C-alpha atoms as a PDB file:
ATOM      1  CA  UNK A   1      76.390 -35.594 -10.739  1.00  0.00           C
ATOM      2  CA  UNK A   2      77.305 -38.935 -11.562  1.00  0.00           C
ATOM      3  CA  UNK A   3      75.998 -41.764 -13.686  1.00  0.00           C
ATOM      4  CA  UNK A   4      74.425 -44.216 -12.282  1.00  0.00           C
ATOM      5  CA  UNK A   5      73.988 -48.082 -12.983  1.00  0.00           C
ATOM      6  CA  UNK A   6      70.529 -48.937 -14.163  1.00  0.00           C
ATOM      7  CA  UNK A   7      68.774 -52.317 -13.109  1.00  0.00           C
ATOM      8  CA  UNK A   8      67.195 -54.796 -15.816  1.00  0.00           C
ATOM      9  CA  UNK A   9      64.078 -56.034 -15.127  1.00  0.00           C
ATOM     10  CA  UNK A  10      62.956 -57.984 -13.936  1.00  0.00           C
ATOM     11  CA  UNK A  11      65.425 -56.958 -11.000  1.00  0.00           C
ATOM     12  CA  UNK A  12      62.831 -57.325  -7.706  1.00  0.00           C
ATOM     13  CA  UNK A  13      63.552 -53.457  -7.458  1.00  0.00           C
ATOM     14  CA  UNK A  14      61.887 -53.197 -10.344  1.00  0.00           C
ATOM     15  CA  UNK A  15      58.715 -54.471  -9.019  1.00  0.00           C
ATOM     16  CA  UNK A  16      58.689 -52.115  -5.886  1.00  0.00           C
ATOM     17  CA  UNK A  17      56.246 -49.318  -5.266  1.00  0.00           C
ATOM     18  CA  UNK A  18      58.110 -46.011  -4.530  1.00  0.00           C
ATOM     19  CA  UNK A  19      57.597 -44.020  -1.177  1.00  0.00           C
ATOM     20  CA  UNK A  20      56.731 -40.865  -1.169  1.00  0.00           C
ATOM     21  CA  UNK A  21      59.390 -38.271  -0.697  1.00  0.00           C
ATOM     22  CA  UNK A  22      58.845 -36.501   2.630  1.00  0.00           C
ATOM     23  CA  UNK A  23      61.866 -34.393   2.604  1.00  0.00           C
ATOM     24  CA  UNK A  24      62.770 -31.730  -0.659  1.00  0.00           C
ATOM     25  CA  UNK A  25      67.205 -31.354   0.289  1.00  0.00           C
ATOM     26  CA  UNK A  26      70.069 -31.014  -1.083  1.00  0.00           C
ATOM     27  CA  UNK A  27      70.604 -35.194  -1.899  1.00  0.00           C
ATOM     28  CA  UNK A  28      67.539 -35.945  -3.112  1.00  0.00           C
ATOM     29  CA  UNK A  29      68.677 -32.856  -5.710  1.00  0.00           C
ATOM     30  CA  UNK A  30      71.311 -34.284  -6.689  1.00  0.00           C
ATOM     31  CA  UNK A  31      69.712 -38.092  -7.057  1.00  0.00           C
ATOM     32  CA  UNK A  32      67.767 -35.605  -9.996  1.00  0.00           C
ATOM     33  CA  UNK A  33      70.775 -34.518 -11.234  1.00  0.00           C
ATOM     34  CA  UNK A  34      72.423 -37.774 -11.261  1.00  0.00           C
ATOM     35  CA  UNK A  35      69.484 -39.325 -12.429  1.00  0.00           C
ATOM     36  CA  UNK A  36      68.943 -36.637 -15.730  1.00  0.00           C
ATOM     37  CA  UNK A  37      72.911 -37.199 -16.373  1.00  0.00           C
ATOM     38  CA  UNK A  38      72.032 -40.976 -16.167  1.00  0.00           C
ATOM     39  CA  UNK A  39      69.043 -40.864 -18.435  1.00  0.00           C
ATOM     40  CA  UNK A  40      71.440 -38.941 -21.059  1.00  0.00           C
ATOM     41  CA  UNK A  41      73.716 -40.876 -20.664  1.00  0.00           C
ATOM     42  CA  UNK A  42      71.306 -44.157 -21.652  1.00  0.00           C
ATOM     43  CA  UNK A  43      70.259 -42.434 -24.312  1.00  0.00           C
ATOM     44  CA  UNK A  44      66.751 -42.483 -23.175  1.00  0.00           C
ATOM     45  CA  UNK A  45      63.925 -40.112 -22.596  1.00  0.00           C
ATOM     46  CA  UNK A  46      62.406 -40.821 -18.913  1.00  0.00           C
ATOM     47  CA  UNK A  47      63.816 -42.502 -15.769  1.00  0.00           C
ATOM     48  CA  UNK A  48      62.082 -43.435 -12.441  1.00  0.00           C
ATOM     49  CA  UNK A  49      64.204 -43.774  -9.359  1.00  0.00           C
ATOM     50  CA  UNK A  50      63.893 -46.734  -9.426  1.00  0.00           C
ATOM     51  CA  UNK A  51      65.353 -47.972 -12.301  1.00  0.00           C
ATOM     52  CA  UNK A  52      68.477 -46.308 -10.131  1.00  0.00           C
ATOM     53  CA  UNK A  53      67.552 -48.599  -7.269  1.00  0.00           C
ATOM     54  CA  UNK A  54      65.884 -46.280  -5.584  1.00  0.00           C
ATOM     55  CA  UNK A  55      62.530 -46.767  -4.278  1.00  0.00           C
ATOM     56  CA  UNK A  56      61.525 -42.981  -3.797  1.00  0.00           C
ATOM     57  CA  UNK A  57      58.757 -41.291  -6.419  1.00  0.00           C
ATOM     58  CA  UNK A  58      60.901 -39.641  -7.986  1.00  0.00           C
ATOM     59  CA  UNK A  59      61.106 -39.234 -11.912  1.00  0.00           C
ATOM     60  CA  UNK A  60      62.569 -37.671 -14.943  1.00  0.00           C
ATOM     61  CA  UNK A  61      62.179 -36.707 -18.353  1.00  0.00           C
ATOM     62  CA  UNK A  62      62.925 -35.054 -21.610  1.00  0.00           C
ATOM     63  CA  UNK A  63      61.294 -35.427 -24.934  1.00  0.00           C
ATOM     64  CA  UNK A  64      64.745 -32.938 -26.671  1.00  0.00           C
ATOM     65  CA  UNK A  65      66.010 -34.873 -28.819  1.00  0.00           C
ATOM     66  CA  UNK A  66      70.249 -34.788 -29.513  1.00  0.00           C
ATOM     67  CA  UNK A  67      69.656 -33.681 -33.207  1.00  0.00           C
ATOM     68  CA  UNK A  68      67.769 -30.618 -32.326  1.00  0.00           C
ATOM     69  CA  UNK A  69      69.169 -27.417 -32.590  1.00  0.00           C
ATOM     70  CA  UNK A  70      66.829 -25.806 -30.474  1.00  0.00           C
ATOM     71  CA  UNK A  71      66.643 -26.700 -27.014  1.00  0.00           C
ATOM     72  CA  UNK A  72      62.283 -26.582 -26.244  1.00  0.00           C
ATOM     73  CA  UNK A  73      62.318 -26.214 -22.935  1.00  0.00           C
ATOM     74  CA  UNK A  74      58.607 -27.231 -22.963  1.00  0.00           C
ATOM     75  CA  UNK A  75      60.217 -31.094 -22.936  1.00  0.00           C
ATOM     76  CA  UNK A  76      61.803 -31.229 -20.509  1.00  0.00           C
ATOM     77  CA  UNK A  77      63.764 -31.406 -18.460  1.00  0.00           C
ATOM     78  CA  UNK A  78      61.660 -32.458 -16.386  1.00  0.00           C
ATOM     79  CA  UNK A  79      62.073 -33.125 -12.830  1.00  0.00           C
ATOM     80  CA  UNK A  80      58.615 -35.010 -10.874  1.00  0.00           C
ATOM     81  CA  UNK A  81      58.129 -35.575  -7.504  1.00  0.00           C
ATOM     82  CA  UNK A  82      55.613 -37.712  -5.600  1.00  0.00           C
ATOM     83  CA  UNK A  83      53.945 -37.372  -9.967  1.00  0.00           C
ATOM     84  CA  UNK A  84      49.614 -38.476  -9.784  1.00  0.00           C
ATOM     85  CA  UNK A  85      47.814 -38.250 -12.996  1.00  0.00           C
ATOM     86  CA  UNK A  86      44.474 -36.487 -12.237  1.00  0.00           C
ATOM     87  CA  UNK A  87      42.688 -36.447 -14.823  1.00  0.00           C
ATOM     88  CA  UNK A  88      42.514 -38.994 -17.860  1.00  0.00           C
ATOM     89  CA  UNK A  89      41.393 -38.716 -21.684  1.00  0.00           C
ATOM     90  CA  UNK A  90      41.413 -41.005 -24.906  1.00  0.00           C
ATOM     91  CA  UNK A  91      43.274 -44.738 -25.787  1.00  0.00           C
ATOM     92  CA  UNK A  92      46.494 -44.503 -28.142  1.00  0.00           C
ATOM     93  CA  UNK A  93      48.234 -47.321 -28.760  1.00  0.00           C
ATOM     94  CA  UNK A  94      52.886 -46.891 -28.387  1.00  0.00           C
ATOM     95  CA  UNK A  95      55.654 -48.317 -29.394  1.00  0.00           C
ATOM     96  CA  UNK A  96      57.883 -48.144 -25.781  1.00  0.00           C
ATOM     97  CA  UNK A  97      60.683 -49.284 -25.073  1.00  0.00           C
ATOM     98  CA  UNK A  98      62.718 -48.897 -21.710  1.00  0.00           C
ATOM     99  CA  UNK A  99      66.327 -48.334 -20.390  1.00  0.00           C
ATOM    100  CA  UNK A 100      65.806 -51.085 -17.582  1.00  0.00           C
ATOM    101  CA  UNK A 101      64.723 -53.156 -20.713  1.00  0.00           C
ATOM    102  CA  UNK A 102      67.316 -52.727 -23.151  1.00  0.00           C
ATOM    103  CA  UNK A 103      66.494 -54.202 -26.898  1.00  0.00           C
ATOM    104  CA  UNK A 104      63.617 -54.879 -26.835  1.00  0.00           C
ATOM    105  CA  UNK A 105      59.831 -52.940 -27.826  1.00  0.00           C
ATOM    106  CA  UNK A 106      56.179 -53.143 -27.102  1.00  0.00           C
ATOM    107  CA  UNK A 107      53.244 -51.947 -27.735  1.00  0.00           C
ATOM    108  CA  UNK A 108      50.976 -50.560 -24.596  1.00  0.00           C
ATOM    109  CA  UNK A 109      48.286 -48.391 -24.667  1.00  0.00           C
ATOM    110  CA  UNK A 110      47.649 -45.383 -23.048  1.00  0.00           C
ATOM    111  CA  UNK A 111      45.747 -42.990 -21.760  1.00  0.00           C
ATOM    112  CA  UNK A 112      45.970 -40.076 -24.731  1.00  0.00           C
ATOM    113  CA  UNK A 113      45.938 -36.822 -22.450  1.00  0.00           C
ATOM    114  CA  UNK A 114      46.828 -36.791 -18.366  1.00  0.00           C
ATOM    115  CA  UNK A 115      46.507 -34.053 -15.724  1.00  0.00           C
ATOM    116  CA  UNK A 116      49.766 -34.313 -13.401  1.00  0.00           C
ATOM    117  CA  UNK A 117      50.638 -33.054 -10.290  1.00  0.00           C
ATOM    118  CA  UNK A 118      53.370 -33.043  -8.871  1.00  0.00           C
ATOM    119  CA  UNK A 119      55.827 -30.755  -6.867  1.00  0.00           C
ATOM    120  CA  UNK A 120      59.414 -29.150  -8.410  1.00  0.00           C
ATOM    121  CA  UNK A 121      62.436 -29.252  -6.613  1.00  0.00           C
ATOM    122  CA  UNK A 122      61.445 -26.281  -4.629  1.00  0.00           C
ATOM    123  CA  UNK A 123      58.486 -28.672  -3.266  1.00  0.00           C
ATOM    124  CA  UNK A 124      56.277 -25.924  -5.351  1.00  0.00           C
ATOM    125  CA  UNK A 125      52.862 -28.004  -6.484  1.00  0.00           C
ATOM    126  CA  UNK A 126      52.309 -28.062 -10.189  1.00  0.00           C
ATOM    127  CA  UNK A 127      49.619 -28.892 -12.218  1.00  0.00           C
ATOM    128  CA  UNK A 128      50.466 -29.725 -16.303  1.00  0.00           C
ATOM    129  CA  UNK A 129      48.617 -31.387 -19.355  1.00  0.00           C
ATOM    130  CA  UNK A 130      50.138 -33.281 -21.140  1.00  0.00           C
ATOM    131  CA  UNK A 131      49.342 -35.296 -23.998  1.00  0.00           C
ATOM    132  CA  UNK A 132      51.214 -37.597 -26.826  1.00  0.00           C
ATOM    133  CA  UNK A 133      54.777 -38.622 -26.142  1.00  0.00           C
ATOM    134  CA  UNK A 134      55.031 -36.971 -22.647  1.00  0.00           C
ATOM    135  CA  UNK A 135      50.835 -38.380 -21.508  1.00  0.00           C
ATOM    136  CA  UNK A 136      53.082 -41.772 -22.319  1.00  0.00           C
ATOM    137  CA  UNK A 137      55.837 -41.286 -21.342  1.00  0.00           C
ATOM    138  CA  UNK A 138      54.884 -40.052 -18.169  1.00  0.00           C
ATOM    139  CA  UNK A 139      52.635 -43.054 -17.826  1.00  0.00           C
ATOM    140  CA  UNK A 140      55.417 -45.430 -18.606  1.00  0.00           C
ATOM    141  CA  UNK A 141      57.560 -43.769 -15.285  1.00  0.00           C
ATOM    142  CA  UNK A 142      55.021 -43.658 -13.191  1.00  0.00           C
ATOM    143  CA  UNK A 143      54.238 -47.071 -13.638  1.00  0.00           C
ATOM    144  CA  UNK A 144      58.069 -47.415 -12.735  1.00  0.00           C
ATOM    145  CA  UNK A 145      56.906 -45.753  -9.622  1.00  0.00           C
ATOM    146  CA  UNK A 146      54.832 -48.559  -8.652  1.00  0.00           C
ATOM    147  CA  UNK A 147      56.418 -51.329  -9.336  1.00  0.00           C
ATOM    148  CA  UNK A 148      55.619 -52.210 -13.231  1.00  0.00           C
ATOM    149  CA  UNK A 149      57.605 -52.216 -16.537  1.00  0.00           C
ATOM    150  CA  UNK A 150      56.108 -52.177 -19.562  1.00  0.00           C
ATOM    151  CA  UNK A 151      56.109 -55.774 -20.579  1.00  0.00           C
ATOM    152  CA  UNK A 152      53.527 -55.988 -17.839  1.00  0.00           C
ATOM    153  CA  UNK A 153      50.818 -53.788 -19.854  1.00  0.00           C
ATOM    154  CA  UNK A 154      50.980 -55.347 -22.650  1.00  0.00           C
ATOM    155  CA  UNK A 155      48.367 -57.195 -24.746  1.00  0.00           C
ATOM    156  CA  UNK A 156      50.253 -59.637 -26.677  1.00  0.00           C
ATOM    157  CA  UNK A 157      51.570 -62.114 -23.302  1.00  0.00           C
ATOM    158  CA  UNK A 158      53.420 -64.091 -25.588  1.00  0.00           C
ATOM    159  CA  UNK A 159      55.582 -60.407 -26.534  1.00  0.00           C
ATOM    160  CA  UNK A 160      55.348 -60.076 -22.912  1.00  0.00           C
ATOM    161  CA  UNK A 161      56.840 -63.744 -21.948  1.00  0.00           C
ATOM    162  CA  UNK A 162      59.407 -63.841 -24.768  1.00  0.00           C
ATOM    163  CA  UNK A 163      61.093 -60.042 -23.672  1.00  0.00           C
ATOM    164  CA  UNK A 164      60.660 -61.799 -20.092  1.00  0.00           C
ATOM    165  CA  UNK A 165      62.605 -64.295 -21.507  1.00  0.00           C
ATOM    166  CA  UNK A 166      65.188 -61.959 -23.470  1.00  0.00           C
ATOM    167  CA  UNK A 167      66.615 -60.006 -20.151  1.00  0.00           C
ATOM    168  CA  UNK A 168      67.037 -63.354 -17.871  1.00  0.00           C
ATOM    169  CA  UNK A 169      68.743 -64.244 -20.519  1.00  0.00           C
ATOM    170  CA  UNK A 170      70.582 -60.783 -21.218  1.00  0.00           C
ATOM    171  CA  UNK A 171      71.096 -60.159 -16.817  1.00  0.00           C
ATOM    172  CA  UNK A 172      72.848 -63.381 -17.122  1.00  0.00           C
ATOM    173  CA  UNK A 173      76.010 -63.006 -19.524  1.00  0.00           C
END
């Protein structure tokens, strides 16, 4: 496994819509494991392949806290291949951050409950229901796969512009 570089917004790859994964092979499995390691090293809870420069529909999520002595498998790590949200319900306003937008946060409205269909590393099709932070995290990461970064979802457009300017300065420093 290897730690990959995380792209900083507004890198154009982050605005690219990811292509479906056609074949689950050893290379893809290696990328997925690298993504998990990269997410942990960056102290994140989710990472989309776009964020490491790979425009494939692949997401990793782990909501377990480093401080937790017991690891809850329901919280992750999860590897979602070709994930699709098939149902949405309710609404929640959540303060989000992002590994591609370091040091910045903003409120984003998301669906409170979702149903997700995806393939696992064995190619099996899985359907799960998610709520609260897991639902928000999944939606955030799927936005990445569609070329959308959280400031673009914020209702506070002036704050979103501030974040964009901060990232341009961050990138040039």
